[in-house]
Amino acid sequence: MPINSDHIKEKINTQFGDGVLAWDDSSDILCVEIKSEINLKVLTYLYDEPSLAFQFLTDLTGIHYPEKTGNEIGVIYHVHNLKENTRLRIKIFVPVGKPDVYTASGLFSGANWMERETFDFFGVNFIGHPNLKRVLNVDEMDYHPLRKEFPLEDQTRIDKDDEMFGR
């Protein structure tokens, strides 16, 4: 029988109290937003606590909300208790000017590559990561391509001029 949401909420709220910012159970997966500075503590607790046993990292990715001043960059973890077939989404947000997050690569070996990819595309600095460097883009890039900092297309392109289409 899967672990129920109330049990997960109770355990995390009891252990981390003020570090828990919000819960969302409106979708098929329970989601918790926590303070960024306790991400590794929460992940370790979820891994080690026998009644939770979230010992598999399914996914780790980033997101950019430029309108959320002071919390523009998000890191999202999906952890899974394989025995009970229960998943949990964990969200943290950091400022774009200082996107520092503690690495989970010591806890989940699969986090190594996912954190490198998140660094590459969003610029998240995973503190303590053993080899944080670009993994898909060239080293010479001086920007992070999945941040919403650039227009979707070049506004000066002449082939996109309305006059060329008779408008």
N, C-alpha and C. Protein backbone atom coordinates (compact mmCIF):
# COMPACT_ATOMS: atom_id res chain seq x y z
N MET A 1 0.85 -1.19 0.00
CA MET A 1 0.00 0.00 0.00
C MET A 1 0.89 1.24 0.00
N PRO A 2 0.65 2.19 -0.90
CA PRO A 2 1.48 3.39 -0.98
C PRO A 2 1.42 4.23 0.31
N ILE A 3 2.50 4.90 0.57
CA ILE A 3 2.53 5.84 1.69
C ILE A 3 1.55 6.95 1.36
N ASN A 4 0.74 7.35 2.33
CA ASN A 4 -0.23 8.41 2.00
C ASN A 4 0.37 9.80 2.22
N SER A 5 -0.25 10.77 1.58
CA SER A 5 0.23 12.16 1.61
C SER A 5 0.27 12.73 3.01
N ASP A 6 -0.71 12.38 3.83
CA ASP A 6 -0.75 12.92 5.19
C ASP A 6 0.47 12.47 6.00
N HIS A 7 0.87 11.23 5.83
CA HIS A 7 2.05 10.71 6.54
C HIS A 7 3.32 11.47 6.10
N ILE A 8 3.46 11.67 4.79
CA ILE A 8 4.63 12.39 4.26
C ILE A 8 4.65 13.82 4.79
N LYS A 9 3.51 14.50 4.73
CA LYS A 9 3.42 15.88 5.22
C LYS A 9 3.76 15.96 6.71
N GLU A 10 3.21 15.04 7.49
CA GLU A 10 3.44 15.05 8.93
C GLU A 10 4.92 14.86 9.25
N LYS A 11 5.56 13.90 8.60
CA LYS A 11 6.98 13.62 8.86
C LYS A 11 7.86 14.81 8.49
N ILE A 12 7.63 15.40 7.32
CA ILE A 12 8.46 16.52 6.86
C ILE A 12 8.19 17.77 7.69
N ASN A 13 6.92 18.06 7.96
CA ASN A 13 6.58 19.24 8.77
C ASN A 13 7.17 19.13 10.18
N THR A 14 7.12 17.94 10.76
CA THR A 14 7.66 17.73 12.11
C THR A 14 9.17 17.93 12.11
N GLN A 15 9.83 17.41 11.11
CA GLN A 15 11.29 17.45 11.06
C GLN A 15 11.83 18.83 10.67
N PHE A 16 11.14 19.53 9.76
CA PHE A 16 11.71 20.77 9.20
C PHE A 16 10.90 22.02 9.47
N GLY A 17 9.72 21.92 9.99
CA GLY A 17 8.92 23.06 10.42
C GLY A 17 8.93 24.26 9.50
N ASP A 18 9.65 25.33 9.91
CA ASP A 18 9.68 26.58 9.16
C ASP A 18 10.38 26.47 7.81
N GLY A 19 11.12 25.40 7.59
CA GLY A 19 11.80 25.20 6.31
C GLY A 19 10.85 24.80 5.20
N VAL A 20 9.64 24.38 5.58
CA VAL A 20 8.61 24.01 4.60
C VAL A 20 7.81 25.26 4.26
N LEU A 21 7.79 25.62 2.98
CA LEU A 21 7.11 26.84 2.55
C LEU A 21 5.70 26.60 2.04
N ALA A 22 5.48 25.48 1.35
CA ALA A 22 4.15 25.23 0.78
C ALA A 22 3.99 23.77 0.40
N TRP A 23 2.75 23.32 0.42
CA TRP A 23 2.39 21.98 -0.04
C TRP A 23 1.38 22.12 -1.18
N ASP A 24 1.45 21.21 -2.13
CA ASP A 24 0.47 21.19 -3.21
C ASP A 24 0.16 19.73 -3.54
N ASP A 25 -1.07 19.34 -3.31
CA ASP A 25 -1.48 17.98 -3.64
C ASP A 25 -2.62 17.98 -4.65
N SER A 26 -2.66 19.03 -5.48
CA SER A 26 -3.74 19.15 -6.46
C SER A 26 -3.52 18.29 -7.70
N SER A 27 -2.31 17.78 -7.90
CA SER A 27 -2.05 16.92 -9.06
C SER A 27 -1.84 15.48 -8.59
N ASP A 28 -1.41 14.64 -9.48
CA ASP A 28 -1.24 13.23 -9.14
C ASP A 28 0.02 12.96 -8.32
N ILE A 29 0.81 13.97 -8.07
CA ILE A 29 2.04 13.80 -7.29
C ILE A 29 2.10 14.90 -6.22
N LEU A 30 2.35 14.49 -5.00
CA LEU A 30 2.47 15.44 -3.90
C LEU A 30 3.70 16.31 -4.10
N CYS A 31 3.56 17.60 -3.86
CA CYS A 31 4.66 18.55 -4.08
C CYS A 31 4.88 19.38 -2.83
N VAL A 32 6.14 19.55 -2.46
CA VAL A 32 6.50 20.39 -1.33
C VAL A 32 7.54 21.41 -1.79
N GLU A 33 7.34 22.65 -1.39
CA GLU A 33 8.34 23.69 -1.63
C GLU A 33 9.03 23.96 -0.31
N ILE A 34 10.37 23.93 -0.35
CA ILE A 34 11.16 24.12 0.87
C ILE A 34 12.18 25.25 0.65
N LYS A 35 12.77 25.70 1.74
CA LYS A 35 13.83 26.70 1.66
C LYS A 35 15.05 26.06 0.99
N SER A 36 15.71 26.80 0.14
CA SER A 36 16.81 26.25 -0.65
C SER A 36 17.99 25.79 0.21
N GLU A 37 18.22 26.42 1.34
CA GLU A 37 19.39 26.08 2.14
C GLU A 37 19.25 24.73 2.87
N ILE A 38 18.06 24.14 2.88
CA ILE A 38 17.91 22.84 3.55
C ILE A 38 17.63 21.71 2.56
N ASN A 39 17.87 21.95 1.27
CA ASN A 39 17.54 20.92 0.28
C ASN A 39 18.23 19.59 0.56
N LEU A 40 19.51 19.62 0.88
CA LEU A 40 20.24 18.37 1.10
C LEU A 40 19.79 17.70 2.40
N LYS A 41 19.47 18.49 3.42
CA LYS A 41 18.98 17.92 4.68
C LYS A 41 17.65 17.19 4.45
N VAL A 42 16.76 17.81 3.68
CA VAL A 42 15.46 17.20 3.41
C VAL A 42 15.63 15.93 2.58
N LEU A 43 16.45 16.01 1.53
CA LEU A 43 16.67 14.83 0.68
C LEU A 43 17.29 13.68 1.48
N THR A 44 18.23 14.00 2.35
CA THR A 44 18.86 12.97 3.18
C THR A 44 17.85 12.35 4.14
N TYR A 45 17.01 13.19 4.73
CA TYR A 45 15.98 12.70 5.64
C TYR A 45 15.00 11.79 4.89
N LEU A 46 14.57 12.20 3.72
CA LEU A 46 13.64 11.38 2.93
C LEU A 46 14.27 10.05 2.55
N TYR A 47 15.56 10.05 2.33
CA TYR A 47 16.30 8.83 1.97
C TYR A 47 16.45 7.90 3.18
N ASP A 48 16.83 8.47 4.32
CA ASP A 48 17.17 7.68 5.50
C ASP A 48 15.98 7.27 6.36
N GLU A 49 14.92 8.05 6.38
CA GLU A 49 13.76 7.76 7.24
C GLU A 49 13.08 6.47 6.77
N PRO A 50 13.08 5.41 7.60
CA PRO A 50 12.55 4.12 7.16
C PRO A 50 11.09 4.15 6.73
N SER A 51 10.28 5.01 7.34
CA SER A 51 8.86 5.04 6.97
C SER A 51 8.61 5.81 5.68
N LEU A 52 9.64 6.47 5.15
CA LEU A 52 9.50 7.19 3.88
C LEU A 52 10.31 6.50 2.78
N ALA A 53 11.59 6.31 2.98
CA ALA A 53 12.49 5.56 2.08
C ALA A 53 12.41 6.01 0.62
N PHE A 54 12.50 7.32 0.40
CA PHE A 54 12.57 7.84 -0.97
C PHE A 54 14.03 7.74 -1.41
N GLN A 55 14.41 6.59 -1.94
CA GLN A 55 15.81 6.29 -2.22
C GLN A 55 16.15 6.26 -3.69
N PHE A 56 15.26 6.75 -4.52
CA PHE A 56 15.54 6.80 -5.95
C PHE A 56 15.22 8.20 -6.48
N LEU A 57 16.20 8.82 -7.10
CA LEU A 57 16.00 10.13 -7.71
C LEU A 57 15.58 9.91 -9.17
N THR A 58 14.32 10.17 -9.45
CA THR A 58 13.79 9.97 -10.80
C THR A 58 14.23 11.08 -11.73
N ASP A 59 14.21 12.31 -11.23
CA ASP A 59 14.52 13.45 -12.09
C ASP A 59 14.97 14.63 -11.25
N LEU A 60 15.77 15.47 -11.85
CA LEU A 60 16.20 16.73 -11.27
C LEU A 60 16.33 17.69 -12.43
N THR A 61 15.69 18.83 -12.34
CA THR A 61 15.74 19.79 -13.43
C THR A 61 15.62 21.20 -12.89
N GLY A 62 15.74 22.16 -13.77
CA GLY A 62 15.61 23.56 -13.39
C GLY A 62 14.46 24.22 -14.11
N ILE A 63 14.16 25.43 -13.68
CA ILE A 63 13.12 26.24 -14.32
C ILE A 63 13.46 27.69 -14.04
N HIS A 64 13.05 28.56 -14.93
CA HIS A 64 13.36 29.99 -14.77
C HIS A 64 12.06 30.78 -14.80
N TYR A 65 11.78 31.51 -13.71
CA TYR A 65 10.64 32.42 -13.61
C TYR A 65 11.19 33.83 -13.45
N PRO A 66 11.46 34.54 -14.55
CA PRO A 66 12.06 35.87 -14.42
C PRO A 66 11.21 36.87 -13.64
N GLU A 67 9.91 36.63 -13.56
CA GLU A 67 9.02 37.57 -12.86
C GLU A 67 9.01 37.37 -11.34
N LYS A 68 9.59 36.28 -10.83
CA LYS A 68 9.63 36.00 -9.40
C LYS A 68 10.90 36.60 -8.81
N THR A 69 10.90 37.89 -8.58
CA THR A 69 12.07 38.61 -8.10
C THR A 69 12.61 37.99 -6.81
N GLY A 70 13.89 37.64 -6.84
CA GLY A 70 14.56 37.04 -5.69
C GLY A 70 14.48 35.53 -5.66
N ASN A 71 13.61 34.96 -6.47
CA ASN A 71 13.45 33.49 -6.54
C ASN A 71 13.27 33.06 -7.99
N GLU A 72 14.09 33.59 -8.87
CA GLU A 72 13.89 33.38 -10.30
C GLU A 72 14.22 31.96 -10.77
N ILE A 73 15.21 31.34 -10.17
CA ILE A 73 15.67 30.01 -10.61
C ILE A 73 15.12 28.94 -9.66
N GLY A 74 14.47 27.95 -10.23
CA GLY A 74 13.94 26.84 -9.44
C GLY A 74 14.68 25.55 -9.76
N VAL A 75 14.81 24.71 -8.75
CA VAL A 75 15.34 23.37 -8.94
C VAL A 75 14.25 22.42 -8.45
N ILE A 76 13.90 21.45 -9.28
CA ILE A 76 12.83 20.52 -8.97
C ILE A 76 13.40 19.11 -8.92
N TYR A 77 13.13 18.43 -7.81
CA TYR A 77 13.54 17.04 -7.63
C TYR A 77 12.30 16.16 -7.65
N HIS A 78 12.40 15.00 -8.28
CA HIS A 78 11.37 13.98 -8.18
C HIS A 78 12.02 12.76 -7.54
N VAL A 79 11.57 12.41 -6.34
CA VAL A 79 12.09 11.24 -5.66
C VAL A 79 11.01 10.17 -5.59
N HIS A 80 11.45 8.92 -5.49
CA HIS A 80 10.53 7.81 -5.61
C HIS A 80 10.84 6.76 -4.55
N ASN A 81 9.82 6.30 -3.85
CA ASN A 81 9.93 5.13 -2.99
C ASN A 81 9.48 3.96 -3.86
N LEU A 82 10.45 3.18 -4.32
CA LEU A 82 10.15 2.10 -5.26
C LEU A 82 9.35 0.97 -4.62
N LYS A 83 9.59 0.71 -3.36
CA LYS A 83 8.90 -0.38 -2.68
C LYS A 83 7.40 -0.10 -2.56
N GLU A 84 7.07 1.14 -2.21
CA GLU A 84 5.67 1.53 -2.03
C GLU A 84 5.08 2.18 -3.29
N ASN A 85 5.92 2.39 -4.30
CA ASN A 85 5.53 3.06 -5.55
C ASN A 85 4.89 4.43 -5.27
N THR A 86 5.61 5.23 -4.50
CA THR A 86 5.15 6.56 -4.13
C THR A 86 6.19 7.59 -4.57
N ARG A 87 5.69 8.67 -5.16
CA ARG A 87 6.58 9.73 -5.64
C ARG A 87 6.34 11.02 -4.86
N LEU A 88 7.36 11.86 -4.87
CA LEU A 88 7.28 13.16 -4.21
C LEU A 88 8.07 14.16 -5.04
N ARG A 89 7.50 15.34 -5.25
CA ARG A 89 8.19 16.43 -5.96
C ARG A 89 8.62 17.46 -4.91
N ILE A 90 9.88 17.87 -5.00
CA ILE A 90 10.44 18.87 -4.09
C ILE A 90 10.91 20.05 -4.92
N LYS A 91 10.48 21.25 -4.54
CA LYS A 91 10.86 22.46 -5.27
C LYS A 91 11.62 23.40 -4.33
N ILE A 92 12.67 24.00 -4.90
CA ILE A 92 13.37 25.07 -4.20
C ILE A 92 13.60 26.20 -5.20
N PHE A 93 13.70 27.42 -4.69
CA PHE A 93 13.94 28.58 -5.55
C PHE A 93 15.08 29.42 -4.99
N VAL A 94 15.90 29.93 -5.90
CA VAL A 94 17.06 30.75 -5.53
C VAL A 94 17.11 31.98 -6.44
N PRO A 95 17.78 33.04 -5.98
CA PRO A 95 17.90 34.23 -6.82
C PRO A 95 18.82 33.98 -8.01
N VAL A 96 18.52 34.61 -9.13
CA VAL A 96 19.32 34.44 -10.34
C VAL A 96 20.74 34.98 -10.15
N GLY A 97 20.91 35.94 -9.27
CA GLY A 97 22.23 36.50 -9.00
C GLY A 97 23.14 35.62 -8.17
N LYS A 98 22.56 34.69 -7.43
CA LYS A 98 23.33 33.77 -6.57
C LYS A 98 22.60 32.42 -6.54
N PRO A 99 22.66 31.69 -7.65
CA PRO A 99 21.91 30.43 -7.74
C PRO A 99 22.66 29.24 -7.12
N ASP A 100 22.91 29.32 -5.81
CA ASP A 100 23.67 28.29 -5.10
C ASP A 100 22.74 27.28 -4.44
N VAL A 101 23.00 26.00 -4.71
CA VAL A 101 22.21 24.90 -4.16
C VAL A 101 23.19 23.79 -3.78
N TYR A 102 22.95 23.13 -2.67
CA TYR A 102 23.82 22.02 -2.27
C TYR A 102 23.60 20.81 -3.18
N THR A 103 24.69 20.16 -3.55
CA THR A 103 24.61 19.01 -4.44
C THR A 103 24.00 17.80 -3.74
N ALA A 104 23.29 17.01 -4.50
CA ALA A 104 22.73 15.75 -4.01
C ALA A 104 23.48 14.57 -4.61
N SER A 105 24.60 14.84 -5.27
CA SER A 105 25.33 13.77 -5.97
C SER A 105 25.97 12.77 -5.01
N GLY A 106 26.20 13.15 -3.77
CA GLY A 106 26.72 12.21 -2.79
C GLY A 106 25.65 11.25 -2.28
N LEU A 107 24.41 11.66 -2.38
CA LEU A 107 23.28 10.85 -1.93
C LEU A 107 22.72 9.98 -3.05
N PHE A 108 22.54 10.59 -4.21
CA PHE A 108 22.04 9.89 -5.40
C PHE A 108 23.11 9.99 -6.49
N SER A 109 23.69 8.90 -6.90
CA SER A 109 24.74 8.98 -7.92
C SER A 109 24.19 9.51 -9.24
N GLY A 110 22.92 9.28 -9.52
CA GLY A 110 22.30 9.79 -10.75
C GLY A 110 22.19 11.31 -10.78
N ALA A 111 22.29 11.94 -9.61
CA ALA A 111 22.19 13.40 -9.55
C ALA A 111 23.38 14.07 -10.21
N ASN A 112 24.51 13.36 -10.30
CA ASN A 112 25.72 13.94 -10.86
C ASN A 112 25.45 14.51 -12.25
N TRP A 113 24.98 13.69 -13.14
CA TRP A 113 24.74 14.12 -14.52
C TRP A 113 23.60 15.14 -14.59
N MET A 114 22.53 14.91 -13.84
CA MET A 114 21.37 15.82 -13.88
C MET A 114 21.74 17.21 -13.36
N GLU A 115 22.59 17.27 -12.35
CA GLU A 115 23.02 18.57 -11.84
C GLU A 115 23.92 19.28 -12.84
N ARG A 116 24.76 18.52 -13.52
CA ARG A 116 25.60 19.14 -14.57
C ARG A 116 24.73 19.71 -15.68
N GLU A 117 23.70 18.99 -16.07
CA GLU A 117 22.80 19.47 -17.11
C GLU A 117 22.04 20.72 -16.64
N THR A 118 21.59 20.72 -15.39
CA THR A 118 20.88 21.88 -14.84
C THR A 118 21.81 23.08 -14.73
N PHE A 119 23.06 22.84 -14.37
CA PHE A 119 24.06 23.92 -14.38
C PHE A 119 24.24 24.46 -15.80
N ASP A 120 24.39 23.56 -16.74
CA ASP A 120 24.64 23.92 -18.13
C ASP A 120 23.53 24.80 -18.70
N PHE A 121 22.29 24.44 -18.46
CA PHE A 121 21.17 25.13 -19.09
C PHE A 121 20.59 26.27 -18.26
N PHE A 122 20.71 26.21 -16.92
CA PHE A 122 20.10 27.23 -16.07
C PHE A 122 21.11 28.01 -15.21
N GLY A 123 22.34 27.52 -15.11
CA GLY A 123 23.35 28.23 -14.34
C GLY A 123 23.31 27.99 -12.85
N VAL A 124 22.65 26.92 -12.40
CA VAL A 124 22.59 26.62 -10.97
C VAL A 124 23.96 26.11 -10.52
N ASN A 125 24.50 26.72 -9.47
CA ASN A 125 25.80 26.33 -8.92
C ASN A 125 25.57 25.31 -7.81
N PHE A 126 25.84 24.05 -8.10
CA PHE A 126 25.65 22.99 -7.12
C PHE A 126 26.90 22.89 -6.25
N ILE A 127 26.79 23.42 -5.05
CA ILE A 127 27.91 23.48 -4.11
C ILE A 127 28.31 22.07 -3.70
N GLY A 128 29.59 21.76 -3.85
CA GLY A 128 30.11 20.46 -3.47
C GLY A 128 30.07 19.42 -4.58
N HIS A 129 29.59 19.81 -5.75
CA HIS A 129 29.55 18.86 -6.86
C HIS A 129 30.97 18.49 -7.28
N PRO A 130 31.26 17.20 -7.53
CA PRO A 130 32.63 16.79 -7.83
C PRO A 130 33.16 17.22 -9.19
N ASN A 131 32.30 17.56 -10.14
CA ASN A 131 32.78 17.90 -11.49
C ASN A 131 31.76 18.78 -12.20
N LEU A 132 31.46 19.94 -11.63
CA LEU A 132 30.42 20.80 -12.18
C LEU A 132 30.96 21.58 -13.38
N LYS A 133 30.67 21.06 -14.55
CA LYS A 133 31.05 21.74 -15.79
C LYS A 133 29.99 21.43 -16.84
N ARG A 134 30.04 22.17 -17.92
CA ARG A 134 29.05 21.97 -18.99
C ARG A 134 29.10 20.55 -19.51
N VAL A 135 27.93 20.04 -19.83
CA VAL A 135 27.86 18.66 -20.28
C VAL A 135 27.32 18.54 -21.71
N LEU A 136 26.51 19.48 -22.16
CA LEU A 136 25.95 19.42 -23.50
C LEU A 136 26.33 20.62 -24.37
N ASN A 137 26.53 21.76 -23.77
CA ASN A 137 26.90 22.96 -24.52
C ASN A 137 28.42 23.15 -24.47
N VAL A 138 28.91 23.97 -25.38
CA VAL A 138 30.35 24.21 -25.43
C VAL A 138 30.80 25.05 -24.23
N ASP A 139 32.03 24.82 -23.79
CA ASP A 139 32.56 25.51 -22.62
C ASP A 139 32.63 27.02 -22.80
N GLU A 140 32.75 27.48 -24.06
CA GLU A 140 32.91 28.90 -24.34
C GLU A 140 31.62 29.69 -24.18
N MET A 141 30.48 29.03 -24.02
CA MET A 141 29.22 29.76 -23.86
C MET A 141 29.28 30.60 -22.59
N ASP A 142 28.86 31.85 -22.70
CA ASP A 142 28.87 32.72 -21.52
C ASP A 142 27.44 33.00 -21.04
N TYR A 143 26.51 32.15 -21.41
CA TYR A 143 25.13 32.28 -20.96
C TYR A 143 24.55 30.88 -20.77
N HIS A 144 23.35 30.83 -20.22
CA HIS A 144 22.66 29.57 -19.98
C HIS A 144 21.37 29.58 -20.80
N PRO A 145 21.30 28.75 -21.83
CA PRO A 145 20.28 28.90 -22.87
C PRO A 145 18.83 28.68 -22.47
N LEU A 146 18.53 28.04 -21.36
CA LEU A 146 17.13 27.85 -21.00
C LEU A 146 16.59 28.92 -20.06
N ARG A 147 17.43 29.88 -19.73
CA ARG A 147 16.92 31.05 -19.00
C ARG A 147 16.14 31.91 -19.98
N LYS A 148 15.10 32.52 -19.50
CA LYS A 148 14.26 33.36 -20.36
C LYS A 148 14.79 34.80 -20.38
N GLU A 149 16.01 34.94 -20.85
CA GLU A 149 16.66 36.25 -20.86
C GLU A 149 16.79 36.84 -22.26
N PHE A 150 16.39 36.10 -23.26
CA PHE A 150 16.57 36.53 -24.63
C PHE A 150 15.25 36.41 -25.38
N PRO A 151 15.03 37.25 -26.41
CA PRO A 151 13.81 37.09 -27.21
C PRO A 151 13.82 35.75 -27.93
N LEU A 152 12.64 35.24 -28.21
CA LEU A 152 12.54 33.94 -28.85
C LEU A 152 13.11 33.93 -30.26
N GLU A 153 13.06 35.05 -30.94
CA GLU A 153 13.68 35.13 -32.27
C GLU A 153 14.22 36.53 -32.49
N ASP A 154 15.08 36.67 -33.44
CA ASP A 154 15.71 37.94 -33.76
C ASP A 154 14.69 38.87 -34.41
N GLN A 155 14.40 39.98 -33.75
CA GLN A 155 13.38 40.92 -34.24
C GLN A 155 13.85 41.70 -35.46
N THR A 156 15.12 41.61 -35.79
CA THR A 156 15.62 42.37 -36.94
C THR A 156 15.69 41.53 -38.21
N ARG A 157 15.25 40.30 -38.15
CA ARG A 157 15.32 39.43 -39.33
C ARG A 157 14.46 40.00 -40.44
N ILE A 158 15.06 40.22 -41.59
CA ILE A 158 14.34 40.81 -42.72
C ILE A 158 13.36 39.82 -43.36
N ASP A 159 13.64 38.54 -43.28
CA ASP A 159 12.73 37.56 -43.88
C ASP A 159 11.45 37.38 -43.07
N LYS A 160 11.39 37.99 -41.89
CA LYS A 160 10.18 37.94 -41.07
C LYS A 160 9.40 39.25 -41.13
N ASP A 161 9.83 40.16 -41.97
CA ASP A 161 9.18 41.45 -42.12
C ASP A 161 7.80 41.26 -42.75
N ASP A 162 6.81 41.89 -42.18
CA ASP A 162 5.44 41.77 -42.70
C ASP A 162 5.31 42.22 -44.15
N GLU A 163 6.15 43.16 -44.60
CA GLU A 163 6.09 43.63 -45.98
C GLU A 163 6.37 42.50 -46.97
N MET A 164 7.15 41.53 -46.55
CA MET A 164 7.47 40.42 -47.43
C MET A 164 6.28 39.49 -47.63
N PHE A 165 5.29 39.61 -46.74
CA PHE A 165 4.11 38.75 -46.84
C PHE A 165 2.88 39.55 -47.30
N GLY A 166 3.10 40.77 -47.78
CA GLY A 166 2.02 41.58 -48.32
C GLY A 166 1.08 42.14 -47.26
N ARG A 167 1.59 42.31 -46.07
CA ARG A 167 0.74 42.89 -45.00
C ARG A 167 1.06 44.34 -44.78
